[in-house]
Amino acid sequence: MSTKMDFLLSASSVAKRINCTQKHVYELIAEGSLQAINISTKGKRPRYKISESSLSRFIESRLVTIS
C-alpha cells in the first residue's frame, strides 16, 4: 500500500493561486471552508499550511455551473 504525501502550501501561495488576499485565505480557514494544518509551536501565532488536496477540494466545492 502506497501513501501519497501532498505538497504543503503557505497561505500566501494559496492566495496567489486563487487570486485573493492572504487575509481572505485566513478567513476561509477560520470559517472551515478551507482545511489547513497549524505548524506553529504552542503559544505562538498560527502558521498555516494547506495541502494540495485541500485546495483542490475547496476549488471543486466552489465551482459554479451556469445553465
Protein backbone atom coordinates (compact mmCIF):
# COMPACT_ATOMS: atom_id res chain seq x y z
CA MET A 1 0.00 0.00 0.00
CA SER A 2 1.42 3.36 -1.00
CA THR A 3 0.51 6.67 0.55
CA LYS A 4 0.88 9.84 -1.49
CA MET A 5 2.07 12.82 0.51
CA ASP A 6 0.62 16.15 -0.60
CA PHE A 7 2.82 19.17 -1.05
CA LEU A 8 2.02 21.80 1.61
CA LEU A 9 1.37 25.38 0.56
CA SER A 10 1.60 28.58 2.57
CA ALA A 11 -1.40 30.86 2.90
CA SER A 12 0.44 33.31 0.66
CA SER A 13 0.90 30.68 -2.08
CA VAL A 14 -2.77 29.71 -1.87
CA ALA A 15 -3.77 33.38 -2.12
CA LYS A 16 -1.72 33.76 -5.30
CA ARG A 17 -3.25 30.61 -6.81
CA ILE A 18 -6.85 31.64 -6.23
CA ASN A 19 -6.22 35.36 -6.78
CA CYS A 20 -7.22 36.71 -3.38
CA THR A 21 -5.55 38.20 -0.33
CA GLN A 22 -3.73 36.23 2.34
CA LYS A 23 -6.23 37.65 4.84
CA HIS A 24 -9.07 36.07 2.87
CA VAL A 25 -7.29 32.70 2.97
CA TYR A 26 -7.09 33.01 6.78
CA GLU A 27 -10.81 33.83 6.85
CA LEU A 28 -11.59 30.73 4.76
CA ILE A 29 -9.57 28.63 7.20
CA ALA A 30 -11.29 30.19 10.23
CA GLU A 31 -14.79 29.56 8.83
CA GLY A 32 -13.91 25.95 8.00
CA SER A 33 -14.20 26.29 4.22
CA LEU A 34 -10.52 25.52 3.66
CA GLN A 35 -8.74 22.84 5.67
CA ALA A 36 -5.26 23.64 6.95
CA ILE A 37 -2.73 22.45 9.50
CA ASN A 38 -1.10 24.68 12.08
CA ILE A 39 2.66 24.07 12.22
CA SER A 40 3.49 26.68 14.86
CA THR A 41 4.75 25.82 18.29
CA LYS A 42 2.42 26.09 21.26
CA GLY A 43 1.73 29.64 22.38
CA LYS A 44 2.86 31.26 19.13
CA ARG A 45 0.70 32.76 16.41
CA PRO A 46 -0.68 30.21 13.94
CA ARG A 47 1.39 29.25 10.89
CA TYR A 48 -0.96 27.53 8.50
CA LYS A 49 -0.09 25.13 5.69
CA ILE A 50 -2.65 23.93 3.18
CA SER A 51 -2.30 20.66 1.30
CA GLU A 52 -2.73 20.50 -2.46
CA SER A 53 -5.68 18.13 -1.99
CA SER A 54 -7.40 20.51 0.47
CA LEU A 55 -7.04 23.34 -2.01
CA SER A 56 -8.41 21.14 -4.81
CA ARG A 57 -11.43 20.14 -2.68
CA PHE A 58 -12.07 23.79 -1.85
CA ILE A 59 -11.94 24.82 -5.51
CA GLU A 60 -14.23 21.95 -6.53
CA SER A 61 -16.71 22.92 -3.81
CA ARG A 62 -16.90 26.45 -5.21
CA LEU A 63 -17.45 25.56 -8.88
CA VAL A 64 -20.37 27.34 -10.45
CA THR A 65 -22.45 25.78 -13.21
CA ILE A 66 -24.44 28.17 -15.32
CA SER A 67 -27.43 26.64 -17.04
